Amino acid sequence: MTSFIKRLLGQPSAELPEWLQGQQDLRKRLELNRGIKEAEFVAFDTELTGLDFKQDSIISIGAVKLRGSTILPAHTFYRLVKPECELKHKSVVVHELTHTDLECAEDLLEVIGDFVNFAGDAVFIGHFVHIDLNFLNKPLQQAFNVSLKNPALDTATLHDWLYDNDSRFAKHYQGMTLKSDLFSMAKKYGVEGGKSHNAFSDAYITAQLFQRFVPFLPGCGIKNLRELLKIARP
């Protein structure tokens, strides 16, 4: 009965671990008026057993930190996750991670905890980032009835906003890519990413896309985090 009342009131159903306790007042600490060049970001990606939110799960998380649009190659994160469901043949073909590769991987909550500590108060960057966030928040909701507090921006959303609002952007890149998936955009905007459908490589590609887009923001009046999040939220 107590746990039901806590869920009803929106309170955690279990005591929060230290790495989640520090998250709870993150929004109060965030300096939304900070200039984009001084802001801290974490570009990240997850590999999944599939896209069915109810049945599939995370099998790897990759990330890289940025200060403004500068990638910090010494600050990276990549971990394999023990799947919480059976691997599907189709997903193995895509990400090339097998049962053998993952048999010594860590539990999901342990990896998420380490990822949260790695990210700190940074703003998340992802491509169709709502998918990754949904899969990250699912076990947190189930175990603690909380979600990650880091604000997030989507490179796909940012791309579309720039194309619609800045004629220089479209002219510079000779039009908009017709496909919005990460690899089509990477090809369009001259991003080299290494192996595809690897969480770290995909995170690095996402960071480089962000780099391509940032120089156009001041000309559109987008100079701080508050303004950036307003136009690029997932």
Protein backbone atom coordinates (compact mmCIF):
# COMPACT_ATOMS: atom_id res chain seq x y z
CA MET A 1 0.00 0.00 0.00
CA THR A 2 2.83 2.41 0.86
CA SER A 3 4.56 1.93 -2.49
CA PHE A 4 1.23 2.44 -4.27
CA ILE A 5 0.68 5.74 -2.44
CA LYS A 6 4.21 6.86 -3.28
CA ARG A 7 3.65 6.11 -6.96
CA LEU A 8 0.32 7.92 -6.80
CA LEU A 9 1.99 10.99 -5.30
CA GLY A 10 4.89 10.84 -7.72
CA GLN A 11 7.42 9.92 -5.04
CA PRO A 12 10.24 7.38 -5.51
CA SER A 13 9.25 3.79 -4.83
CA ALA A 14 12.73 3.02 -3.51
CA GLU A 15 15.49 5.03 -1.90
CA LEU A 16 17.41 6.91 -4.57
CA PRO A 17 21.05 5.91 -5.07
CA GLU A 18 23.58 8.70 -4.66
CA TRP A 19 23.97 9.21 -8.41
CA LEU A 20 20.24 9.94 -8.70
CA GLN A 21 20.02 12.07 -5.57
CA GLY A 22 22.41 14.56 -7.14
CA GLN A 23 20.13 14.77 -10.16
CA GLN A 24 17.06 16.00 -8.35
CA ASP A 25 17.99 19.70 -8.20
CA LEU A 26 19.91 19.75 -11.51
CA ARG A 27 17.38 22.10 -13.17
CA LYS A 28 17.98 24.65 -10.39
CA ARG A 29 21.74 24.51 -10.94
CA LEU A 30 21.54 24.82 -14.72
CA GLU A 31 22.61 28.23 -16.00
CA LEU A 32 20.29 28.70 -18.95
CA ASN A 33 21.72 32.13 -19.74
CA ARG A 34 25.18 30.67 -20.27
CA GLY A 35 26.56 31.23 -23.75
CA ILE A 36 26.59 28.20 -26.04
CA LYS A 37 30.38 28.38 -26.37
CA GLU A 38 30.77 27.97 -22.60
CA ALA A 39 28.06 25.37 -22.08
CA GLU A 40 28.76 21.71 -21.37
CA PHE A 41 27.17 19.04 -23.55
CA VAL A 42 27.23 15.25 -23.77
CA ALA A 43 26.46 13.71 -27.16
CA PHE A 44 25.26 10.16 -26.61
CA ASP A 45 23.64 7.18 -28.28
CA THR A 46 22.25 3.81 -27.25
CA GLU A 47 22.13 0.54 -29.14
CA LEU A 48 18.96 -1.45 -28.56
CA THR A 49 17.61 -4.93 -29.09
CA GLY A 50 14.81 -3.24 -31.04
CA LEU A 51 12.49 -0.25 -30.96
CA ASP A 52 9.59 -1.82 -29.08
CA PHE A 53 9.57 0.26 -25.90
CA LYS A 54 7.67 -2.38 -23.93
CA GLN A 55 9.78 -5.40 -24.91
CA ASP A 56 13.23 -4.23 -26.03
CA SER A 57 16.17 -2.97 -24.00
CA ILE A 58 19.54 -1.21 -24.13
CA ILE A 59 22.67 -3.22 -24.93
CA SER A 60 25.24 -0.41 -25.09
CA ILE A 61 25.68 3.29 -24.31
CA GLY A 62 28.29 5.56 -25.89
CA ALA A 63 28.98 9.23 -25.26
CA VAL A 64 31.46 12.06 -25.72
CA LYS A 65 31.67 15.42 -23.94
CA LEU A 66 31.75 18.82 -25.59
CA ARG A 67 32.51 22.33 -24.35
CA GLY A 68 30.43 24.45 -26.66
CA SER A 69 31.02 22.92 -30.06
CA THR A 70 34.49 21.64 -29.14
CA ILE A 71 34.62 17.86 -28.80
CA LEU A 72 36.71 16.67 -25.84
CA PRO A 73 38.22 13.38 -27.09
CA ALA A 74 39.71 12.57 -23.67
CA HIS A 75 36.23 12.53 -22.10
CA THR A 76 34.37 9.57 -23.56
CA PHE A 77 32.11 6.79 -22.34
CA TYR A 78 31.33 3.38 -23.78
CA ARG A 79 29.81 0.43 -21.97
CA LEU A 80 28.09 -2.81 -22.89
CA VAL A 81 24.87 -3.71 -21.08
CA LYS A 82 23.51 -7.12 -20.20
CA PRO A 83 20.28 -7.34 -22.24
CA GLU A 84 17.06 -7.66 -20.29
CA CYS A 85 15.42 -9.54 -23.15
CA GLU A 86 16.42 -11.98 -25.87
CA LEU A 87 18.57 -10.66 -28.70
CA LYS A 88 16.85 -10.67 -32.05
CA HIS A 89 18.61 -11.86 -35.19
CA LYS A 90 17.77 -8.60 -36.98
CA SER A 91 19.28 -6.44 -34.24
CA VAL A 92 22.44 -8.59 -34.06
CA VAL A 93 22.94 -8.06 -37.80
CA VAL A 94 22.62 -4.29 -37.29
CA HIS A 95 24.82 -3.71 -34.22
CA GLU A 96 26.94 -6.88 -34.45
CA LEU A 97 26.74 -7.56 -30.71
CA THR A 98 26.08 -11.21 -29.91
CA HIS A 99 25.19 -13.13 -26.75
CA THR A 100 28.88 -13.97 -26.40
CA ASP A 101 29.85 -10.28 -26.56
CA LEU A 102 27.32 -9.40 -23.87
CA GLU A 103 27.60 -12.34 -21.49
CA CYS A 104 30.04 -10.46 -19.24
CA ALA A 105 28.34 -7.08 -19.66
CA GLU A 106 27.08 -5.15 -16.63
CA ASP A 107 23.53 -4.69 -15.38
CA LEU A 108 21.59 -1.83 -16.92
CA LEU A 109 21.14 0.27 -13.78
CA GLU A 110 24.85 0.03 -12.98
CA VAL A 111 25.77 1.33 -16.43
CA ILE A 112 23.14 4.08 -16.30
CA GLY A 113 24.53 5.14 -12.93
CA ASP A 114 28.04 5.42 -14.36
CA PHE A 115 26.68 7.29 -17.38
CA VAL A 116 24.85 9.76 -15.13
CA ASN A 117 28.05 10.37 -13.17
CA PHE A 118 29.95 10.84 -16.44
CA ALA A 119 27.41 13.34 -17.81
CA GLY A 120 27.06 15.41 -14.66
CA ASP A 121 25.03 18.55 -15.30
CA ALA A 122 25.66 18.60 -19.04
CA VAL A 123 22.95 19.07 -21.64
CA PHE A 124 22.31 15.89 -23.63
CA ILE A 125 22.64 15.89 -27.41
CA GLY A 126 21.15 13.06 -29.46
CA HIS A 127 19.71 12.29 -32.87
CA PHE A 128 16.06 11.40 -32.34
CA VAL A 129 17.13 11.61 -28.72
CA HIS A 130 13.64 10.96 -27.35
CA ILE A 131 14.08 7.28 -28.24
CA ASP A 132 17.30 6.99 -26.22
CA LEU A 133 15.84 8.94 -23.31
CA ASN A 134 12.74 6.76 -23.21
CA PHE A 135 14.87 3.63 -22.92
CA LEU A 136 17.15 5.22 -20.29
CA ASN A 137 14.23 6.46 -18.21
CA LYS A 138 12.23 3.24 -18.37
CA PRO A 139 14.29 1.33 -15.73
CA LEU A 140 14.58 4.48 -13.60
CA GLN A 141 10.81 4.86 -13.59
CA GLN A 142 10.35 1.19 -12.75
CA ALA A 143 12.88 1.15 -9.91
CA PHE A 144 12.65 4.68 -8.48
CA ASN A 145 9.76 6.48 -10.21
CA VAL A 146 12.07 9.24 -11.46
CA SER A 147 13.52 10.32 -14.81
CA LEU A 148 16.81 11.95 -15.76
CA LYS A 149 16.74 15.71 -15.25
CA ASN A 150 19.31 16.73 -17.86
CA PRO A 151 17.70 18.85 -20.57
CA ALA A 152 18.20 17.47 -24.06
CA LEU A 153 18.39 18.80 -27.60
CA ASP A 154 17.87 16.89 -30.81
CA THR A 155 20.19 17.37 -33.79
CA ALA A 156 17.39 16.38 -36.17
CA THR A 157 15.11 19.05 -34.72
CA LEU A 158 17.93 21.62 -34.74
CA HIS A 159 18.71 20.81 -38.38
CA ASP A 160 15.09 21.32 -39.46
CA TRP A 161 14.80 24.60 -37.54
CA LEU A 162 17.95 25.98 -39.17
CA TYR A 163 16.75 24.97 -42.61
CA ASP A 164 13.41 26.69 -42.04
CA ASN A 165 14.79 29.84 -40.39
CA ASP A 166 18.21 30.54 -41.91
CA SER A 167 18.59 30.85 -45.68
CA ARG A 168 22.38 30.90 -45.24
CA PHE A 169 22.29 27.40 -43.82
CA ALA A 170 20.48 25.91 -46.82
CA LYS A 171 22.64 27.86 -49.27
CA HIS A 172 25.89 26.86 -47.56
CA TYR A 173 25.03 23.17 -47.69
CA GLN A 174 23.24 23.40 -51.05
CA GLY A 175 19.85 22.34 -49.76
CA MET A 176 18.41 20.03 -47.16
CA THR A 177 19.02 16.30 -47.01
CA LEU A 178 15.82 14.45 -47.86
CA LYS A 179 16.52 11.74 -45.28
CA SER A 180 16.69 12.57 -41.60
CA ASP A 181 18.44 9.45 -40.28
CA LEU A 182 21.84 9.98 -38.67
CA PHE A 183 23.93 8.44 -41.46
CA SER A 184 22.20 10.28 -44.28
CA MET A 185 22.79 13.55 -42.45
CA ALA A 186 26.39 12.62 -41.71
CA LYS A 187 27.01 12.02 -45.41
CA LYS A 188 25.24 15.25 -46.38
CA TYR A 189 27.24 17.39 -43.95
CA GLY A 190 30.62 15.76 -44.46
CA VAL A 191 30.88 13.95 -41.14
CA GLU A 192 33.20 10.97 -40.81
CA GLY A 193 32.04 8.56 -38.15
CA GLY A 194 33.69 5.18 -38.38
CA LYS A 195 31.64 2.06 -37.74
CA SER A 196 27.89 2.62 -37.96
CA HIS A 197 25.39 1.32 -35.41
CA ASN A 198 28.00 1.41 -32.67
CA ALA A 199 26.87 3.52 -29.74
CA PHE A 200 30.14 5.41 -29.38
CA SER A 201 30.64 5.98 -33.11
CA ASP A 202 27.07 7.20 -33.43
CA ALA A 203 27.53 9.54 -30.47
CA TYR A 204 30.66 10.94 -32.10
CA ILE A 205 28.81 11.46 -35.39
CA THR A 206 26.06 13.28 -33.49
CA ALA A 207 28.64 15.53 -31.82
CA GLN A 208 30.13 16.39 -35.21
CA LEU A 209 26.71 17.21 -36.66
CA PHE A 210 26.20 19.58 -33.74
CA GLN A 211 29.53 21.17 -34.63
CA ARG A 212 28.32 21.77 -38.20
CA PHE A 213 25.14 23.49 -36.99
CA VAL A 214 26.41 25.70 -34.16
CA PRO A 215 28.15 28.37 -36.33
CA PHE A 216 24.80 29.33 -37.84
CA LEU A 217 23.07 29.94 -34.51
CA PRO A 218 24.33 33.49 -33.67
CA GLY A 219 23.05 34.78 -36.99
CA CYS A 220 19.60 33.52 -35.98
CA GLY A 221 19.76 35.22 -32.60
CA ILE A 222 20.42 31.96 -30.73
CA LYS A 223 23.20 32.77 -28.28
CA ASN A 224 22.54 30.93 -25.02
CA LEU A 225 21.31 27.61 -23.69
CA ARG A 226 17.79 28.82 -23.04
CA GLU A 227 17.33 29.90 -26.65
CA LEU A 228 19.01 26.75 -28.00
CA LEU A 229 16.82 24.41 -25.98
CA LYS A 230 13.72 26.29 -27.07
CA ILE A 231 14.38 25.54 -30.76
CA ALA A 232 15.96 22.08 -30.47
CA ARG A 233 14.04 20.21 -27.82
CA PRO A 234 13.02 16.70 -28.91
